[in-house]
Amino acid sequence: MATDTVDGMSSHMRGLTVTTITAIAGIGAAFGSNAVAGGATDFTALAVVAVAIAVQFPVLRVIGIEQDDLSGKDVLYIAFMTFALWFVSWGILLTTGA
């Protein structure tokens, strides 16, 4: 498009990239929590999801989305979406006994 800059990505691609990474990180954290934690009451699972949230920011920087480009709302979105997908996925894993 004529309004896109040469070195940046469009806002649609930026949003799609961030959402995809948060989804993958949340589901990956659920599998990590399932492997590491002893059960639903083990607080190690929260550490796994906290690490999954923290790891996303350097990954986004490598992809081309700088920390300065993210507003507070974007950071909360990343944390919430990762937590929500982790919570639902890990709940399913705990329920099915996988």
Protein backbone atom coordinates (compact mmCIF):
# COMPACT_ATOMS: atom_id res chain seq x y z
CA MET A 1 0.00 0.00 0.00
CA ALA A 2 1.10 3.54 -0.57
CA THR A 3 0.85 4.47 3.11
CA ASP A 4 3.16 1.70 4.37
CA THR A 5 6.70 2.59 5.21
CA VAL A 6 9.54 0.69 3.66
CA ASP A 7 11.06 -0.52 6.93
CA GLY A 8 7.92 -1.05 9.03
CA MET A 9 5.04 -3.46 8.94
CA SER A 10 1.42 -2.47 8.57
CA SER A 11 -0.72 -2.18 11.66
CA HIS A 12 -2.71 -5.23 10.58
CA MET A 13 0.40 -7.39 10.24
CA ARG A 14 1.74 -6.04 13.54
CA GLY A 15 -1.48 -6.99 15.33
CA LEU A 16 -1.61 -10.39 13.67
CA THR A 17 2.01 -11.06 14.61
CA VAL A 18 1.54 -10.07 18.25
CA THR A 19 -1.66 -12.12 18.57
CA THR A 20 -0.06 -15.19 17.00
CA ILE A 21 2.97 -15.00 19.28
CA THR A 22 0.79 -14.59 22.39
CA ALA A 23 -1.33 -17.59 21.38
CA ILE A 24 1.71 -19.79 20.77
CA ALA A 25 3.33 -18.64 24.03
CA GLY A 26 0.17 -19.28 26.06
CA ILE A 27 -0.37 -22.77 24.69
CA GLY A 28 3.34 -23.55 24.99
CA ALA A 29 3.28 -22.38 28.61
CA ALA A 30 0.34 -24.70 29.28
CA PHE A 31 2.31 -27.68 28.01
CA GLY A 32 5.33 -26.49 29.99
CA SER A 33 3.24 -26.14 33.15
CA ASN A 34 1.81 -29.59 32.57
CA ALA A 35 5.31 -31.04 32.30
CA VAL A 36 6.86 -29.13 35.21
CA ALA A 37 4.08 -28.63 37.76
CA GLY A 38 2.89 -31.39 40.03
CA GLY A 39 -0.75 -30.38 39.81
CA ALA A 40 -3.21 -27.52 39.84
CA THR A 41 -1.99 -26.18 43.20
CA ASP A 42 1.70 -26.04 42.26
CA PHE A 43 2.91 -22.44 41.94
CA THR A 44 5.66 -23.49 39.53
CA ALA A 45 3.03 -23.30 36.80
CA LEU A 46 2.67 -19.55 37.42
CA ALA A 47 6.42 -19.15 37.02
CA VAL A 48 6.20 -20.88 33.65
CA VAL A 49 3.52 -18.49 32.38
CA ALA A 50 5.42 -15.48 33.79
CA VAL A 51 8.51 -16.56 31.86
CA ALA A 52 6.40 -17.06 28.73
CA ILE A 53 5.14 -13.48 29.02
CA ALA A 54 8.61 -12.06 29.64
CA VAL A 55 10.21 -13.95 26.74
CA GLN A 56 7.82 -12.45 24.21
CA PHE A 57 9.26 -8.95 24.37
CA PRO A 58 12.75 -9.89 23.11
CA VAL A 59 11.11 -12.09 20.46
CA LEU A 60 9.00 -9.15 19.29
CA ARG A 61 12.14 -6.99 19.14
CA VAL A 62 13.86 -9.57 16.93
CA ILE A 63 10.84 -9.66 14.62
CA GLY A 64 10.94 -5.88 14.27
CA ILE A 65 8.45 -4.58 16.83
CA GLU A 66 10.36 -2.33 19.21
CA GLN A 67 9.45 -1.92 22.88
CA ASP A 68 8.94 1.80 22.24
CA ASP A 69 6.21 0.93 19.71
CA LEU A 70 4.18 -0.87 22.40
CA SER A 71 1.84 1.17 24.57
CA GLY A 72 0.76 0.15 28.04
CA LYS A 73 -2.42 -1.19 26.53
CA ASP A 74 -0.38 -3.42 24.18
CA VAL A 75 1.69 -4.79 27.07
CA LEU A 76 -1.48 -5.58 29.03
CA TYR A 77 -2.95 -7.25 25.94
CA ILE A 78 0.13 -9.45 25.55
CA ALA A 79 0.08 -10.44 29.23
CA PHE A 80 -3.67 -11.09 29.32
CA MET A 81 -3.86 -13.09 26.10
CA THR A 82 -0.90 -15.25 27.13
CA PHE A 83 -2.41 -15.84 30.56
CA ALA A 84 -5.89 -16.56 29.18
CA LEU A 85 -4.66 -19.09 26.63
CA TRP A 86 -2.40 -20.68 29.25
CA PHE A 87 -5.28 -20.91 31.72
CA VAL A 88 -7.73 -22.50 29.30
CA SER A 89 -5.18 -24.85 27.71
CA TRP A 90 -3.72 -25.98 31.03
CA GLY A 91 -7.24 -26.49 32.41
CA ILE A 92 -7.99 -28.78 29.48
CA LEU A 93 -4.73 -30.65 29.98
CA LEU A 94 -5.44 -31.10 33.69
CA THR A 95 -9.02 -32.24 33.06
CA THR A 96 -8.12 -34.80 30.42
CA GLY A 97 -5.19 -36.13 32.41
CA ALA A 98 -2.81 -35.68 29.50
